[in-house]
Structure formats: C-alpha cells, structure tokens
Amino acid sequence: MLLACLDLEGELVPRALSEFARDFPEVEVRVRQAGDETLLLFDADPELVDRARARLLALLGPAVLGEGEATLALATLRALREAGLRVAFAESLTAGLASALLADVPGASEVLCGGMVTYSNELKARWLGVPREVLESVGPVSEPAARAMAEGVLARSGADLAVSLTGWAGPDAGEDGQPAGTVYFGLARVGAPTLVERRRFTGGRDEVRRKAALHALDLLRRRALGAGR
C-alpha cells in the first residue's frame, strides 16, 4: 500500500511516500521521496524524508518496533533490557512457543528467567497454584485462570514481569463452548495489579498458537515501554 501524501504538521507533502509491507506480526514501513510521475528518484530531498519519518514515528508511537532490521522478539528483548525487567512465562496452548521466540534472540538470557508449560489442569493447579475451584467452575480458559497462572509463575520464578497464555487453539470449539481461537492472557508485575486480556484469533491451529505467542511478546514489550517512561 502506498500513501501518496503525509500530513507533516498540517502541511500535505504529496511527494513523500510511505510503503507498507506486512508479514505478520511485523509491518515494515519505508519512507522515500518520489517525483510527480515516477517512483524512481535519484536526487531525493533528505530533509523531506526525515520529516516524513519523524511524523510516522509520532503517529505510530509504541507500535513501532524499531528502525532498520527489527522483529517483535528483538524489540521485546530491547524494551525489557532497557527497563531492567526479567520475565517468566506460563503457557498452556502455546506449549512454550512464546518463551522460545524470545529465547531465539541473542542476549535473551539477560531478560528471560524461564517458564512453565502447564497443559493439563492438574499441573496448572500443582505447579502454578491455580485454585482447583477456578478450574472446576469456570474452567482453564477463563479470566480467573489466566490471572492465577500469571501470578503463580511470577511468584515462583523471581521475575519482575510474567505473562500467561491459556486458550483453545482449535480446530474445534472449547469444551466450555468458547470458539476456537479464544485466548486469555494474564500480565502480572511485582507491586502492580494483574491485567487480563481476552483475544480471538483466526486461522488454523498452528496459526492461532503462533499469533497468541507473538501477542504475548507484544504485551511484554508494551508494558516494558510503559515502565521505562
């Protein structure tokens, strides 16, 4: 997608083009100057491109992962490191995928304490301390379960920040009737209220699991950015 103009502080600049290339979950934005009838320009105005770049950064805010070569996992690691935070994971449907994505980045040991894969209800209760009455009444795919999972791994790991993931990857609906792709995320931090978020992801089983893992990283990244301000 090409945007033929950018509003730079009230001024429309039709020769500053933004190009978006999407490859979930990253969206690459390229800014360049173009002539009136061609996209090939050899004598670009660096000041115009810099202004367009600055405007895009201001508009997109925390959605920007970085400039140059950047991935969500790398941006998450950088944000956690700059905020001085160490993280832990409690994963059900993703079975360790979220923590593995972070561990793939060189330097992950600076921010990653570890994680627990608790696929069964029994291990959610025994390893993470999820109340059995929660698992029996509202089930493992619920706000109370996600909250207890995040708080449980935070307390047991010594981390500063923890994220939990529990959901129905599909292809069938969950035992409780919730549709496939339903995922609850818990985000716990020492000394702060635990946040819980419910999302519904589309796609097949593998796609749902990958989207959930990536979203967990983004929750950590955004929380770390907030902690750094």
C-alpha atoms as a PDB file:
ATOM      1  CA  MET A   1       0.000   0.000   0.000  1.00  0.00           C
ATOM      2  CA  LEU A   2       1.354   3.424  -0.914  1.00  0.00           C
ATOM      3  CA  LEU A   3       0.281   6.650   0.717  1.00  0.00           C
ATOM      4  CA  ALA A   4       0.734   9.488  -1.740  1.00  0.00           C
ATOM      5  CA  CYS A   5       0.859  12.196   0.897  1.00  0.00           C
ATOM      6  CA  LEU A   6       1.732  12.708   4.519  1.00  0.00           C
ATOM      7  CA  ASP A   7       0.423  15.428   6.791  1.00  0.00           C
ATOM      8  CA  LEU A   8       3.566  16.934   8.262  1.00  0.00           C
ATOM      9  CA  GLU A   9       2.317  19.250  10.997  1.00  0.00           C
ATOM     10  CA  GLY A  10      -0.562  20.462   8.868  1.00  0.00           C
ATOM     11  CA  GLU A  11       1.360  20.505   5.602  1.00  0.00           C
ATOM     12  CA  LEU A  12       0.456  17.955   2.950  1.00  0.00           C
ATOM     13  CA  VAL A  13       3.555  16.671   1.213  1.00  0.00           C
ATOM     14  CA  PRO A  14       2.453  14.661  -1.840  1.00  0.00           C
ATOM     15  CA  ARG A  15       5.985  13.657  -2.767  1.00  0.00           C
ATOM     16  CA  ALA A  16       6.714  11.809   0.470  1.00  0.00           C
ATOM     17  CA  LEU A  17       5.614   8.218   0.014  1.00  0.00           C
ATOM     18  CA  SER A  18       5.179   5.583   2.693  1.00  0.00           C
ATOM     19  CA  GLU A  19       5.258   1.961   1.650  1.00  0.00           C
ATOM     20  CA  PHE A  20       3.890  -0.753   3.907  1.00  0.00           C
ATOM     21  CA  ALA A  21       4.978  -4.375   3.634  1.00  0.00           C
ATOM     22  CA  ARG A  22       3.180  -6.711   6.025  1.00  0.00           C
ATOM     23  CA  ASP A  23       4.484 -10.042   7.251  1.00  0.00           C
ATOM     24  CA  PHE A  24       2.597 -10.882  10.437  1.00  0.00           C
ATOM     25  CA  PRO A  25       3.149  -9.581  13.025  1.00  0.00           C
ATOM     26  CA  GLU A  26       5.653  -7.065  11.703  1.00  0.00           C
ATOM     27  CA  VAL A  27       4.694  -4.279   9.284  1.00  0.00           C
ATOM     28  CA  GLU A  28       7.654  -2.712   7.514  1.00  0.00           C
ATOM     29  CA  VAL A  29       7.265   0.976   6.682  1.00  0.00           C
ATOM     30  CA  ARG A  30       9.555   2.573   4.120  1.00  0.00           C
ATOM     31  CA  VAL A  31       9.629   6.321   3.528  1.00  0.00           C
ATOM     32  CA  ARG A  32      11.067   7.836   0.385  1.00  0.00           C
ATOM     33  CA  GLN A  33      10.588  10.834  -1.869  1.00  0.00           C
ATOM     34  CA  ALA A  34       9.105  10.463  -5.334  1.00  0.00           C
ATOM     35  CA  GLY A  35       8.698  12.694  -8.344  1.00  0.00           C
ATOM     36  CA  ASP A  36       5.346  13.653  -9.779  1.00  0.00           C
ATOM     37  CA  GLU A  37       5.211  10.860 -12.341  1.00  0.00           C
ATOM     38  CA  THR A  38       7.704   8.265 -11.196  1.00  0.00           C
ATOM     39  CA  LEU A  39       8.687   6.339  -8.109  1.00  0.00           C
ATOM     40  CA  LEU A  40      12.330   6.363  -9.169  1.00  0.00           C
ATOM     41  CA  LEU A  41      14.113   9.415  -7.845  1.00  0.00           C
ATOM     42  CA  PHE A  42      17.852   9.818  -7.732  1.00  0.00           C
ATOM     43  CA  ASP A  43      18.101  13.263  -6.138  1.00  0.00           C
ATOM     44  CA  ALA A  44      15.875  12.874  -3.091  1.00  0.00           C
ATOM     45  CA  ASP A  45      15.461  15.599  -0.521  1.00  0.00           C
ATOM     46  CA  PRO A  46      16.838  14.111   2.733  1.00  0.00           C
ATOM     47  CA  GLU A  47      15.080  16.736   4.832  1.00  0.00           C
ATOM     48  CA  LEU A  48      11.691  15.804   3.372  1.00  0.00           C
ATOM     49  CA  VAL A  49      12.258  12.115   4.018  1.00  0.00           C
ATOM     50  CA  ASP A  50      13.431  12.830   7.574  1.00  0.00           C
ATOM     51  CA  ARG A  51      10.323  14.893   8.267  1.00  0.00           C
ATOM     52  CA  ALA A  52       8.088  12.160   6.915  1.00  0.00           C
ATOM     53  CA  ARG A  53       9.927   9.586   9.013  1.00  0.00           C
ATOM     54  CA  ALA A  54       9.574  11.701  12.160  1.00  0.00           C
ATOM     55  CA  ARG A  55       5.873  12.210  11.506  1.00  0.00           C
ATOM     56  CA  LEU A  56       5.291   8.482  11.058  1.00  0.00           C
ATOM     57  CA  LEU A  57       7.142   7.697  14.276  1.00  0.00           C
ATOM     58  CA  ALA A  58       4.987  10.215  16.132  1.00  0.00           C
ATOM     59  CA  LEU A  59       1.772   8.830  14.639  1.00  0.00           C
ATOM     60  CA  LEU A  60       2.573   5.167  15.269  1.00  0.00           C
ATOM     61  CA  GLY A  61       4.022   5.644  18.755  1.00  0.00           C
ATOM     62  CA  PRO A  62       4.590   2.387  20.679  1.00  0.00           C
ATOM     63  CA  ALA A  63       3.521   0.340  17.662  1.00  0.00           C
ATOM     64  CA  VAL A  64       6.968   1.000  16.178  1.00  0.00           C
ATOM     65  CA  LEU A  65       9.280  -1.951  16.806  1.00  0.00           C
ATOM     66  CA  GLY A  66      12.396  -0.118  15.684  1.00  0.00           C
ATOM     67  CA  GLU A  67      14.222   1.210  12.670  1.00  0.00           C
ATOM     68  CA  GLY A  68      16.269  -0.885  10.307  1.00  0.00           C
ATOM     69  CA  GLU A  69      16.236  -4.615  10.943  1.00  0.00           C
ATOM     70  CA  ALA A  70      13.728  -5.245  13.732  1.00  0.00           C
ATOM     71  CA  THR A  71      11.466  -8.076  14.819  1.00  0.00           C
ATOM     72  CA  LEU A  72       8.884  -8.242  17.563  1.00  0.00           C
ATOM     73  CA  ALA A  73      11.044 -10.610  19.602  1.00  0.00           C
ATOM     74  CA  LEU A  74      14.099  -8.362  19.286  1.00  0.00           C
ATOM     75  CA  ALA A  75      12.075  -5.257  20.149  1.00  0.00           C
ATOM     76  CA  THR A  76      10.657  -7.053  23.194  1.00  0.00           C
ATOM     77  CA  LEU A  77      14.114  -8.014  24.404  1.00  0.00           C
ATOM     78  CA  ARG A  78      15.395  -4.461  23.960  1.00  0.00           C
ATOM     79  CA  ALA A  79      12.431  -2.940  25.794  1.00  0.00           C
ATOM     80  CA  LEU A  80      12.779  -5.363  28.701  1.00  0.00           C
ATOM     81  CA  ARG A  81      16.518  -4.814  28.923  1.00  0.00           C
ATOM     82  CA  GLU A  82      16.208  -1.030  28.892  1.00  0.00           C
ATOM     83  CA  ALA A  83      13.536  -1.195  31.603  1.00  0.00           C
ATOM     84  CA  GLY A  84      15.655  -3.572  33.689  1.00  0.00           C
ATOM     85  CA  LEU A  85      12.930  -6.226  33.761  1.00  0.00           C
ATOM     86  CA  ARG A  86      13.213 -10.018  33.793  1.00  0.00           C
ATOM     87  CA  VAL A  87      10.278 -12.098  32.613  1.00  0.00           C
ATOM     88  CA  ALA A  88       8.710 -15.517  33.055  1.00  0.00           C
ATOM     89  CA  PHE A  89       6.062 -17.365  31.052  1.00  0.00           C
ATOM     90  CA  ALA A  90       3.172 -19.652  31.977  1.00  0.00           C
ATOM     91  CA  GLU A  91       1.955 -21.317  28.799  1.00  0.00           C
ATOM     92  CA  SER A  92      -0.866 -23.704  28.074  1.00  0.00           C
ATOM     93  CA  LEU A  93      -1.997 -23.749  24.435  1.00  0.00           C
ATOM     94  CA  THR A  94       1.336 -22.404  23.135  1.00  0.00           C
ATOM     95  CA  ALA A  95       3.332 -25.083  24.993  1.00  0.00           C
ATOM     96  CA  GLY A  96       6.497 -22.992  25.300  1.00  0.00           C
ATOM     97  CA  LEU A  97       6.328 -21.269  21.920  1.00  0.00           C
ATOM     98  CA  ALA A  98       6.185 -17.741  23.354  1.00  0.00           C
ATOM     99  CA  SER A  99       9.257 -18.165  25.535  1.00  0.00           C
ATOM    100  CA  ALA A 100      11.058 -19.916  22.667  1.00  0.00           C
ATOM    101  CA  LEU A 101      10.504 -16.912  20.392  1.00  0.00           C
ATOM    102  CA  LEU A 102      12.205 -14.682  22.936  1.00  0.00           C
ATOM    103  CA  ALA A 103      14.946 -17.240  23.573  1.00  0.00           C
ATOM    104  CA  ASP A 104      15.756 -17.276  19.848  1.00  0.00           C
ATOM    105  CA  VAL A 105      17.129 -13.726  20.139  1.00  0.00           C
ATOM    106  CA  PRO A 106      20.805 -13.419  21.120  1.00  0.00           C
ATOM    107  CA  GLY A 107      21.068 -11.954  24.602  1.00  0.00           C
ATOM    108  CA  ALA A 108      17.770 -13.433  25.802  1.00  0.00           C
ATOM    109  CA  SER A 109      19.424 -14.668  28.990  1.00  0.00           C
ATOM    110  CA  GLU A 110      19.608 -11.042  30.146  1.00  0.00           C
ATOM    111  CA  VAL A 111      15.825 -10.819  30.440  1.00  0.00           C
ATOM    112  CA  LEU A 112      14.391 -14.357  30.377  1.00  0.00           C
ATOM    113  CA  CYS A 113      14.084 -16.203  33.686  1.00  0.00           C
ATOM    114  CA  GLY A 114      12.192 -19.174  32.262  1.00  0.00           C
ATOM    115  CA  GLY A 115       8.717 -20.563  32.033  1.00  0.00           C
ATOM    116  CA  MET A 116       6.287 -23.362  32.774  1.00  0.00           C
ATOM    117  CA  VAL A 117       4.260 -25.346  30.260  1.00  0.00           C
ATOM    118  CA  THR A 118       1.101 -26.400  32.075  1.00  0.00           C
ATOM    119  CA  TYR A 119      -1.113 -28.051  29.512  1.00  0.00           C
ATOM    120  CA  SER A 120      -3.186 -30.080  31.955  1.00  0.00           C
ATOM    121  CA  ASN A 121      -5.427 -28.745  34.692  1.00  0.00           C
ATOM    122  CA  GLU A 122      -3.542 -30.847  37.208  1.00  0.00           C
ATOM    123  CA  LEU A 123      -0.253 -29.082  36.518  1.00  0.00           C
ATOM    124  CA  LYS A 124      -1.943 -25.685  36.435  1.00  0.00           C
ATOM    125  CA  ALA A 125      -3.027 -26.396  39.989  1.00  0.00           C
ATOM    126  CA  ARG A 126       0.136 -28.127  41.250  1.00  0.00           C
ATOM    127  CA  TRP A 127       2.837 -26.061  39.562  1.00  0.00           C
ATOM    128  CA  LEU A 128       1.203 -22.646  39.324  1.00  0.00           C
ATOM    129  CA  GLY A 129      -1.223 -22.723  42.214  1.00  0.00           C
ATOM    130  CA  VAL A 130      -4.335 -22.119  40.122  1.00  0.00           C
ATOM    131  CA  PRO A 131      -7.233 -22.779  42.529  1.00  0.00           C
ATOM    132  CA  ARG A 132      -8.959 -26.052  41.733  1.00  0.00           C
ATOM    133  CA  GLU A 133     -12.316 -24.397  42.306  1.00  0.00           C
ATOM    134  CA  VAL A 134     -11.496 -21.981  39.466  1.00  0.00           C
ATOM    135  CA  LEU A 135     -10.612 -24.835  37.131  1.00  0.00           C
ATOM    136  CA  GLU A 136     -13.760 -26.729  38.088  1.00  0.00           C
ATOM    137  CA  SER A 137     -16.180 -23.795  37.998  1.00  0.00           C
ATOM    138  CA  VAL A 138     -15.138 -21.513  35.117  1.00  0.00           C
ATOM    139  CA  GLY A 139     -12.504 -23.724  33.510  1.00  0.00           C
ATOM    140  CA  PRO A 140      -8.883 -23.296  32.445  1.00  0.00           C
ATOM    141  CA  VAL A 141      -9.722 -20.928  29.585  1.00  0.00           C
ATOM    142  CA  SER A 142     -11.008 -18.013  31.619  1.00  0.00           C
ATOM    143  CA  GLU A 143     -10.009 -14.707  33.144  1.00  0.00           C
ATOM    144  CA  PRO A 144      -9.513 -16.109  36.671  1.00  0.00           C
ATOM    145  CA  ALA A 145      -7.332 -18.945  35.365  1.00  0.00           C
ATOM    146  CA  ALA A 146      -5.149 -16.636  33.271  1.00  0.00           C
ATOM    147  CA  ARG A 147      -4.758 -14.298  36.235  1.00  0.00           C
ATOM    148  CA  ALA A 148      -3.777 -17.097  38.612  1.00  0.00           C
ATOM    149  CA  MET A 149      -1.337 -18.572  36.076  1.00  0.00           C
ATOM    150  CA  ALA A 150       0.475 -15.261  35.630  1.00  0.00           C
ATOM    151  CA  GLU A 151       0.622 -14.556  39.347  1.00  0.00           C
ATOM    152  CA  GLY A 152       1.726 -18.122  40.055  1.00  0.00           C
ATOM    153  CA  VAL A 153       4.694 -18.111  37.704  1.00  0.00           C
ATOM    154  CA  LEU A 154       5.664 -14.600  38.831  1.00  0.00           C
ATOM    155  CA  ALA A 155       5.816 -15.715  42.464  1.00  0.00           C
ATOM    156  CA  ARG A 156       7.701 -18.932  41.704  1.00  0.00           C
ATOM    157  CA  SER A 157      10.245 -17.564  39.238  1.00  0.00           C
ATOM    158  CA  GLY A 158      11.551 -14.439  40.929  1.00  0.00           C
ATOM    159  CA  ALA A 159      10.872 -12.486  37.734  1.00  0.00           C
ATOM    160  CA  ASP A 160       9.728  -8.869  37.614  1.00  0.00           C
ATOM    161  CA  LEU A 161       7.078  -9.469  34.975  1.00  0.00           C
ATOM    162  CA  ALA A 162       5.139 -12.550  33.870  1.00  0.00           C
ATOM    163  CA  VAL A 163       2.711 -13.412  31.126  1.00  0.00           C
ATOM    164  CA  SER A 164       0.304 -16.339  30.904  1.00  0.00           C
ATOM    165  CA  LEU A 165      -1.491 -17.818  27.909  1.00  0.00           C
ATOM    166  CA  THR A 166      -4.465 -20.165  28.059  1.00  0.00           C
ATOM    167  CA  GLY A 167      -6.947 -20.840  25.292  1.00  0.00           C
ATOM    168  CA  TRP A 168      -8.498 -23.069  22.664  1.00  0.00           C
ATOM    169  CA  ALA A 169      -6.247 -23.462  19.633  1.00  0.00           C
ATOM    170  CA  GLY A 170      -8.815 -25.441  17.639  1.00  0.00           C
ATOM    171  CA  PRO A 171      -9.844 -26.648  15.227  1.00  0.00           C
ATOM    172  CA  ASP A 172     -12.903 -27.401  17.356  1.00  0.00           C
ATOM    173  CA  ALA A 173     -14.579 -25.153  19.887  1.00  0.00           C
ATOM    174  CA  GLY A 174     -13.558 -25.496  23.502  1.00  0.00           C
ATOM    175  CA  GLU A 175     -15.162 -27.819  26.000  1.00  0.00           C
ATOM    176  CA  ASP A 176     -16.849 -24.789  27.546  1.00  0.00           C
ATOM    177  CA  GLY A 177     -18.362 -23.685  24.224  1.00  0.00           C
ATOM    178  CA  GLN A 178     -15.964 -20.820  23.584  1.00  0.00           C
ATOM    179  CA  PRO A 179     -14.946 -20.653  19.920  1.00  0.00           C
ATOM    180  CA  ALA A 180     -11.617 -21.902  18.643  1.00  0.00           C
ATOM    181  CA  GLY A 181      -9.038 -19.139  18.706  1.00  0.00           C
ATOM    182  CA  THR A 182     -10.155 -17.792  22.093  1.00  0.00           C
ATOM    183  CA  VAL A 183      -7.124 -16.934  24.217  1.00  0.00           C
ATOM    184  CA  TYR A 184      -6.776 -15.285  27.617  1.00  0.00           C
ATOM    185  CA  PHE A 185      -3.566 -13.500  28.569  1.00  0.00           C
ATOM    186  CA  GLY A 186      -2.520 -12.617  32.094  1.00  0.00           C
ATOM    187  CA  LEU A 187       0.134  -9.961  32.686  1.00  0.00           C
ATOM    188  CA  ALA A 188       1.480  -9.810  36.226  1.00  0.00           C
ATOM    189  CA  ARG A 189       4.102  -7.463  37.613  1.00  0.00           C
ATOM    190  CA  VAL A 190       5.593  -7.167  41.063  1.00  0.00           C
ATOM    191  CA  GLY A 191       3.791  -4.454  43.004  1.00  0.00           C
ATOM    192  CA  ALA A 192       1.097  -3.819  40.381  1.00  0.00           C
ATOM    193  CA  PRO A 193      -2.402  -5.146  39.637  1.00  0.00           C
ATOM    194  CA  THR A 194      -2.542  -8.115  37.280  1.00  0.00           C
ATOM    195  CA  LEU A 195      -4.069  -7.376  33.893  1.00  0.00           C
ATOM    196  CA  VAL A 196      -6.089  -9.917  31.899  1.00  0.00           C
ATOM    197  CA  GLU A 197      -6.964  -9.651  28.229  1.00  0.00           C
ATOM    198  CA  ARG A 198      -9.177 -11.837  26.052  1.00  0.00           C
ATOM    199  CA  ARG A 199      -8.472 -12.189  22.335  1.00  0.00           C
ATOM    200  CA  ARG A 200      -9.943 -14.172  19.475  1.00  0.00           C
ATOM    201  CA  PHE A 201      -7.516 -15.211  16.744  1.00  0.00           C
ATOM    202  CA  THR A 202      -8.462 -16.574  13.336  1.00  0.00           C
ATOM    203  CA  GLY A 203      -6.747 -19.293  11.335  1.00  0.00           C
ATOM    204  CA  GLY A 204      -5.800 -22.902  11.835  1.00  0.00           C
ATOM    205  CA  ARG A 205      -4.385 -24.420  14.982  1.00  0.00           C
ATOM    206  CA  ASP A 206      -0.743 -23.579  14.252  1.00  0.00           C
ATOM    207  CA  GLU A 207      -1.618 -20.024  13.226  1.00  0.00           C
ATOM    208  CA  VAL A 208      -3.652 -19.414  16.373  1.00  0.00           C
ATOM    209  CA  ARG A 209      -0.809 -20.661  18.561  1.00  0.00           C
ATOM    210  CA  ARG A 210       1.750 -18.507  16.763  1.00  0.00           C
ATOM    211  CA  LYS A 211      -0.438 -15.403  16.900  1.00  0.00           C
ATOM    212  CA  ALA A 212      -1.029 -15.948  20.602  1.00  0.00           C
ATOM    213  CA  ALA A 213       2.696 -16.340  21.290  1.00  0.00           C
ATOM    214  CA  LEU A 214       3.534 -13.183  19.373  1.00  0.00           C
ATOM    215  CA  HIS A 215       0.790 -11.226  21.109  1.00  0.00           C
ATOM    216  CA  ALA A 216       2.214 -12.286  24.468  1.00  0.00           C
ATOM    217  CA  LEU A 217       5.573 -10.829  23.458  1.00  0.00           C
ATOM    218  CA  ASP A 218       3.901  -7.592  22.416  1.00  0.00           C
ATOM    219  CA  LEU A 219       2.137  -7.333  25.773  1.00  0.00           C
ATOM    220  CA  LEU A 220       5.500  -7.663  27.500  1.00  0.00           C
ATOM    221  CA  ARG A 221       7.090  -5.133  25.162  1.00  0.00           C
ATOM    222  CA  ARG A 222       4.405  -2.507  25.677  1.00  0.00           C
ATOM    223  CA  ARG A 223       4.428  -2.995  29.440  1.00  0.00           C
ATOM    224  CA  ALA A 224       8.207  -2.597  29.472  1.00  0.00           C
ATOM    225  CA  LEU A 225       7.978   0.574  27.391  1.00  0.00           C
ATOM    226  CA  GLY A 226       5.496   1.972  29.886  1.00  0.00           C
ATOM    227  CA  ALA A 227       7.775   1.039  32.761  1.00  0.00           C
ATOM    228  CA  GLY A 228      10.640   2.876  31.153  1.00  0.00           C
ATOM    229  CA  ARG A 229       8.844   6.203  30.983  1.00  0.00           C
END
